[in-house]
Structure formats: structure tokens, C-alpha cells
PDB file of N, CA and C in Angstrom:
ATOM      1  N   MET A   1       0.842  -1.168   0.000  1.00  0.00           N
ATOM      2  CA  MET A   1       0.000   0.000   0.000  1.00  0.00           C
ATOM      3  C   MET A   1       0.892   1.237   0.000  1.00  0.00           C
ATOM      4  N   ASN A   2       0.453   2.203  -0.744  1.00  0.00           N
ATOM      5  CA  ASN A   2       1.231   3.426  -0.878  1.00  0.00           C
ATOM      6  C   ASN A   2       0.326   4.622  -0.631  1.00  0.00           C
ATOM      7  N   TRP A   3       0.647   5.368   0.404  1.00  0.00           N
ATOM      8  CA  TRP A   3      -0.126   6.566   0.713  1.00  0.00           C
ATOM      9  C   TRP A   3       0.725   7.776   0.388  1.00  0.00           C
ATOM     10  N   GLY A   4       0.082   8.786  -0.216  1.00  0.00           N
ATOM     11  CA  GLY A   4       0.804   9.984  -0.610  1.00  0.00           C
ATOM     12  C   GLY A   4       0.969  10.983   0.515  1.00  0.00           C
ATOM     13  N   SER A   5       0.113  10.889   1.523  1.00  0.00           N
ATOM     14  CA  SER A   5       0.195  11.852   2.621  1.00  0.00           C
ATOM     15  C   SER A   5      -0.329  11.208   3.904  1.00  0.00           C
ATOM     16  N   LEU A   6      -0.136  11.897   4.992  1.00  0.00           N
ATOM     17  CA  LEU A   6      -0.610  11.415   6.286  1.00  0.00           C
ATOM     18  C   LEU A   6      -2.130  11.350   6.300  1.00  0.00           C
ATOM     19  N   ASP A   7      -2.787  12.311   5.665  1.00  0.00           N
ATOM     20  CA  ASP A   7      -4.249  12.298   5.601  1.00  0.00           C
ATOM     21  C   ASP A   7      -4.769  11.048   4.895  1.00  0.00           C
ATOM     22  N   GLN A   8      -4.119  10.652   3.834  1.00  0.00           N
ATOM     23  CA  GLN A   8      -4.543   9.449   3.121  1.00  0.00           C
ATOM     24  C   GLN A   8      -4.308   8.200   3.976  1.00  0.00           C
ATOM     25  N   PHE A   9      -3.207   8.207   4.698  1.00  0.00           N
ATOM     26  CA  PHE A   9      -2.934   7.076   5.584  1.00  0.00           C
ATOM     27  C   PHE A   9      -4.002   6.981   6.669  1.00  0.00           C
ATOM     28  N   LEU A  10      -4.326   8.099   7.298  1.00  0.00           N
ATOM     29  CA  LEU A  10      -5.303   8.096   8.378  1.00  0.00           C
ATOM     30  C   LEU A  10      -6.705   7.767   7.874  1.00  0.00           C
ATOM     31  N   ALA A  11      -7.004   8.094   6.619  1.00  0.00           N
ATOM     32  CA  ALA A  11      -8.315   7.792   6.036  1.00  0.00           C
ATOM     33  C   ALA A  11      -8.454   6.310   5.706  1.00  0.00           C
ATOM     34  N   MET A  12      -7.354   5.597   5.532  1.00  0.00           N
ATOM     35  CA  MET A  12      -7.334   4.161   5.265  1.00  0.00           C
ATOM     36  C   MET A  12      -8.251   3.776   4.102  1.00  0.00           C
ATOM     37  N   GLY A  13      -8.218   4.558   3.059  1.00  0.00           N
ATOM     38  CA  GLY A  13      -8.995   4.228   1.874  1.00  0.00           C
ATOM     39  C   GLY A  13     -10.500   4.239   2.095  1.00  0.00           C
ATOM     40  N   GLY A  14     -10.962   5.043   3.027  1.00  0.00           N
ATOM     41  CA  GLY A  14     -12.386   5.127   3.318  1.00  0.00           C
ATOM     42  C   GLY A  14     -12.847   4.219   4.437  1.00  0.00           C
ATOM     43  N   TYR A  15     -11.961   3.422   4.976  1.00  0.00           N
ATOM     44  CA  TYR A  15     -12.320   2.482   6.046  1.00  0.00           C
ATOM     45  C   TYR A  15     -11.747   2.896   7.402  1.00  0.00           C
ATOM     46  N   ALA A  16     -11.439   4.164   7.559  1.00  0.00           N
ATOM     47  CA  ALA A  16     -10.792   4.643   8.778  1.00  0.00           C
ATOM     48  C   ALA A  16     -11.628   4.369  10.019  1.00  0.00           C
ATOM     49  N   THR A  17     -12.937   4.531   9.926  1.00  0.00           N
ATOM     50  CA  THR A  17     -13.795   4.318  11.088  1.00  0.00           C
ATOM     51  C   THR A  17     -13.653   2.892  11.602  1.00  0.00           C
ATOM     52  N   TYR A  18     -13.635   1.929  10.690  1.00  0.00           N
ATOM     53  CA  TYR A  18     -13.531   0.525  11.098  1.00  0.00           C
ATOM     54  C   TYR A  18     -12.127   0.176  11.568  1.00  0.00           C
ATOM     55  N   VAL A  19     -11.132   0.645  10.840  1.00  0.00           N
ATOM     56  CA  VAL A  19      -9.748   0.303  11.184  1.00  0.00           C
ATOM     57  C   VAL A  19      -9.355   0.922  12.514  1.00  0.00           C
ATOM     58  N   TRP A  20      -9.487   2.240  12.642  1.00  0.00           N
ATOM     59  CA  TRP A  20      -9.059   2.900  13.866  1.00  0.00           C
ATOM     60  C   TRP A  20      -9.989   2.561  15.029  1.00  0.00           C
ATOM     61  N   GLY A  21     -11.264   2.353  14.725  1.00  0.00           N
ATOM     62  CA  GLY A  21     -12.193   1.943  15.787  1.00  0.00           C
ATOM     63  C   GLY A  21     -11.813   0.598  16.384  1.00  0.00           C
ATOM     64  N   SER A  22     -11.406  -0.332  15.525  1.00  0.00           N
ATOM     65  CA  SER A  22     -10.997  -1.643  16.040  1.00  0.00           C
ATOM     66  C   SER A  22      -9.718  -1.543  16.858  1.00  0.00           C
ATOM     67  N   TYR A  23      -8.799  -0.691  16.451  1.00  0.00           N
ATOM     68  CA  TYR A  23      -7.584  -0.491  17.246  1.00  0.00           C
ATOM     69  C   TYR A  23      -7.924   0.106  18.611  1.00  0.00           C
ATOM     70  N   ILE A  24      -8.806   1.081  18.635  1.00  0.00           N
ATOM     71  CA  ILE A  24      -9.167   1.726  19.901  1.00  0.00           C
ATOM     72  C   ILE A  24      -9.862   0.738  20.829  1.00  0.00           C
ATOM     73  N   VAL A  25     -10.798  -0.041  20.298  1.00  0.00           N
ATOM     74  CA  VAL A  25     -11.497  -1.029  21.120  1.00  0.00           C
ATOM     75  C   VAL A  25     -10.505  -2.066  21.658  1.00  0.00           C
ATOM     76  N   SER A  26      -9.587  -2.509  20.839  1.00  0.00           N
ATOM     77  CA  SER A  26      -8.600  -3.504  21.273  1.00  0.00           C
ATOM     78  C   SER A  26      -7.721  -2.968  22.389  1.00  0.00           C
ATOM     79  N   VAL A  27      -7.251  -1.749  22.245  1.00  0.00           N
ATOM     80  CA  VAL A  27      -6.400  -1.144  23.278  1.00  0.00           C
ATOM     81  C   VAL A  27      -7.184  -0.961  24.575  1.00  0.00           C
ATOM     82  N   LEU A  28      -8.438  -0.528  24.471  1.00  0.00           N
ATOM     83  CA  LEU A  28      -9.252  -0.355  25.679  1.00  0.00           C
ATOM     84  C   LEU A  28      -9.493  -1.689  26.389  1.00  0.00           C
ATOM     85  N   VAL A  29      -9.794  -2.728  25.636  1.00  0.00           N
ATOM     86  CA  VAL A  29     -10.028  -4.042  26.236  1.00  0.00           C
ATOM     87  C   VAL A  29      -8.757  -4.543  26.927  1.00  0.00           C
ATOM     88  N   LEU A  30      -7.615  -4.373  26.290  1.00  0.00           N
ATOM     89  CA  LEU A  30      -6.361  -4.806  26.905  1.00  0.00           C
ATOM     90  C   LEU A  30      -6.056  -3.995  28.167  1.00  0.00           C
ATOM     91  N   ALA A  31      -6.336  -2.706  28.145  1.00  0.00           N
ATOM     92  CA  ALA A  31      -6.096  -1.863  29.322  1.00  0.00           C
ATOM     93  C   ALA A  31      -7.002  -2.286  30.478  1.00  0.00           C
ATOM     94  N   VAL A  32      -8.272  -2.548  30.188  1.00  0.00           N
ATOM     95  CA  VAL A  32      -9.198  -3.006  31.230  1.00  0.00           C
ATOM     96  C   VAL A  32      -8.734  -4.350  31.789  1.00  0.00           C
ATOM     97  N   GLU A  33      -8.268  -5.223  30.933  1.00  0.00           N
ATOM     98  CA  GLU A  33      -7.775  -6.537  31.382  1.00  0.00           C
ATOM     99  C   GLU A  33      -6.591  -6.374  32.346  1.00  0.00           C
ATOM    100  N   VAL A  34      -5.675  -5.488  32.034  1.00  0.00           N
ATOM    101  CA  VAL A  34      -4.517  -5.257  32.907  1.00  0.00           C
ATOM    102  C   VAL A  34      -4.977  -4.708  34.256  1.00  0.00           C
ATOM    103  N   VAL A  35      -5.901  -3.759  34.243  1.00  0.00           N
ATOM    104  CA  VAL A  35      -6.403  -3.184  35.496  1.00  0.00           C
ATOM    105  C   VAL A  35      -7.087  -4.258  36.338  1.00  0.00           C
ATOM    106  N   LEU A  36      -7.925  -5.079  35.715  1.00  0.00           N
ATOM    107  CA  LEU A  36      -8.617  -6.129  36.462  1.00  0.00           C
ATOM    108  C   LEU A  36      -7.650  -7.173  37.004  1.00  0.00           C
ATOM    109  N   LEU A  37      -6.634  -7.519  36.231  1.00  0.00           N
ATOM    110  CA  LEU A  37      -5.638  -8.480  36.717  1.00  0.00           C
ATOM    111  C   LEU A  37      -4.855  -7.932  37.903  1.00  0.00           C
ATOM    112  N   ARG A  38      -4.479  -6.673  37.834  1.00  0.00           N
ATOM    113  CA  ARG A  38      -3.755  -6.068  38.968  1.00  0.00           C
ATOM    114  C   ARG A  38      -4.628  -6.026  40.209  1.00  0.00           C
ATOM    115  N   ARG A  39      -5.910  -5.681  40.032  1.00  0.00           N
ATOM    116  CA  ARG A  39      -6.824  -5.624  41.175  1.00  0.00           C
ATOM    117  C   ARG A  39      -6.989  -7.014  41.794  1.00  0.00           C
ATOM    118  N   ARG A  40      -7.157  -8.024  40.954  1.00  0.00           N
ATOM    119  CA  ARG A  40      -7.308  -9.384  41.472  1.00  0.00           C
ATOM    120  C   ARG A  40      -6.036  -9.859  42.163  1.00  0.00           C
ATOM    121  N   HIS A  41      -4.890  -9.527  41.593  1.00  0.00           N
ATOM    122  CA  HIS A  41      -3.616  -9.900  42.205  1.00  0.00           C
ATOM    123  C   HIS A  41      -3.488  -9.282  43.596  1.00  0.00           C
ATOM    124  N   ARG A  42      -3.826  -8.000  43.697  1.00  0.00           N
ATOM    125  CA  ARG A  42      -3.765  -7.305  44.983  1.00  0.00           C
ATOM    126  C   ARG A  42      -4.708  -7.952  45.999  1.00  0.00           C
ATOM    127  N   THR A  43      -5.924  -8.288  45.550  1.00  0.00           N
ATOM    128  CA  THR A  43      -6.900  -8.906  46.439  1.00  0.00           C
ATOM    129  C   THR A  43      -6.424 -10.273  46.916  1.00  0.00           C
ATOM    130  N   LEU A  44      -5.886 -11.068  46.016  1.00  0.00           N
ATOM    131  CA  LEU A  44      -5.395 -12.399  46.399  1.00  0.00           C
ATOM    132  C   LEU A  44      -4.203 -12.317  47.338  1.00  0.00           C
ATOM    133  N   ARG A  45      -3.309 -11.353  47.090  1.00  0.00           N
ATOM    134  CA  ARG A  45      -2.163 -11.198  47.993  1.00  0.00           C
ATOM    135  C   ARG A  45      -2.612 -10.771  49.374  1.00  0.00           C
ATOM    136  N   ALA A  46      -3.587  -9.865  49.445  1.00  0.00           N
ATOM    137  CA  ALA A  46      -4.094  -9.420  50.745  1.00  0.00           C
ATOM    138  C   ALA A  46      -4.781 -10.577  51.462  1.00  0.00           C
ATOM    139  N   GLY A  47      -5.534 -11.379  50.736  1.00  0.00           N
ATOM    140  CA  GLY A  47      -6.196 -12.537  51.337  1.00  0.00           C
ATOM    141  C   GLY A  47      -5.203 -13.573  51.817  1.00  0.00           C
ATOM    142  N   ALA A  48      -4.135 -13.772  51.078  1.00  0.00           N
ATOM    143  CA  ALA A  48      -3.104 -14.732  51.482  1.00  0.00           C
ATOM    144  C   ALA A  48      -2.390 -14.234  52.724  1.00  0.00           C
ATOM    145  N   GLY A  49      -2.184 -12.951  52.836  1.00  0.00           N
ATOM    146  CA  GLY A  49      -1.533 -12.386  54.018  1.00  0.00           C
ATOM    147  C   GLY A  49      -2.398 -12.530  55.253  1.00  0.00           C
ATOM    148  N   ARG A  50      -3.705 -12.333  55.085  1.00  0.00           N
ATOM    149  CA  ARG A  50      -4.612 -12.468  56.208  1.00  0.00           C
ATOM    150  C   ARG A  50      -4.696 -13.923  56.672  1.00  0.00           C
ATOM    151  N   SER A  51      -4.756 -14.852  55.734  1.00  0.00           N
ATOM    152  CA  SER A  51      -4.867 -16.264  56.119  1.00  0.00           C
ATOM    153  C   SER A  51      -3.560 -16.764  56.747  1.00  0.00           C
ATOM    154  N   ALA A  52      -2.445 -16.216  56.365  1.00  0.00           N
ATOM    155  CA  ALA A  52      -1.158 -16.614  56.934  1.00  0.00           C
ATOM    156  C   ALA A  52      -1.028 -16.121  58.378  1.00  0.00           C
ATOM    157  N   GLN A  53      -1.704 -15.033  58.704  1.00  0.00           N
ATOM    158  CA  GLN A  53      -1.597 -14.474  60.056  1.00  0.00           C
ATOM    159  C   GLN A  53      -2.537 -15.167  61.034  1.00  0.00           C
ATOM    160  N   GLN A  54      -3.564 -15.852  60.566  1.00  0.00           N
ATOM    161  CA  GLN A  54      -4.508 -16.523  61.441  1.00  0.00           C
ATOM    162  C   GLN A  54      -3.911 -17.851  61.924  1.00  0.00           C
ATOM    163  N   PRO A  55      -4.109 -18.161  63.201  1.00  0.00           N
ATOM    164  CA  PRO A  55      -3.574 -19.432  63.715  1.00  0.00           C
ATOM    165  C   PRO A  55      -4.364 -20.602  63.132  1.00  0.00           C
ATOM    166  N   ASP A  56      -3.690 -21.721  62.974  1.00  0.00           N
ATOM    167  CA  ASP A  56      -4.327 -22.928  62.475  1.00  0.00           C
ATOM    168  C   ASP A  56      -5.196 -23.524  63.557  1.00  0.00           C
ATOM    169  N   THR A  57      -6.383 -23.950  63.200  1.00  0.00           N
ATOM    170  CA  THR A  57      -7.260 -24.599  64.159  1.00  0.00           C
ATOM    171  C   THR A  57      -7.455 -26.047  63.732  1.00  0.00           C
ATOM    172  N   VAL A  58      -7.399 -26.936  64.695  1.00  0.00           N
ATOM    173  CA  VAL A  58      -7.557 -28.358  64.407  1.00  0.00           C
ATOM    174  C   VAL A  58      -8.938 -28.771  64.906  1.00  0.00           C
ATOM    175  N   ALA A  59      -9.713 -29.358  64.034  1.00  0.00           N
ATOM    176  CA  ALA A  59     -11.075 -29.750  64.407  1.00  0.00           C
ATOM    177  C   ALA A  59     -11.124 -31.158  64.926  1.00  0.00           C
TER     178      ALA A  59
END
């Protein structure tokens, strides 16, 4: 593919809405995934710390 200018590149031959929209959605989904993974990691580490501090009980 050969684009003569930046405007032509950004227009993507008339499909800019689909091309750039898919890139934006993909980046947003990946960013949300990273945030959720970090939150879950933090929660699991805090839970592991709490369970490690509790004495073992034998039934």
C-alpha cells in the first residue's frame, strides 16, 4: 500500500472508522484486562496475608 500523505494514511482508503475503531477497542479491552488483573492480584495477595496471620485450628 502506498499513501501519498498522512491524511490518506489516516483515512485508510475510506475504512478509517472501522480500522481505527478496532484499534481503539482492542487497546481499551487490553487496558481493562490489565487493570482487572492487577486488582485481582492485589486482592489475592491481601487474602493470602490475612490467612497466613490466622492461627491454624484443628477440628
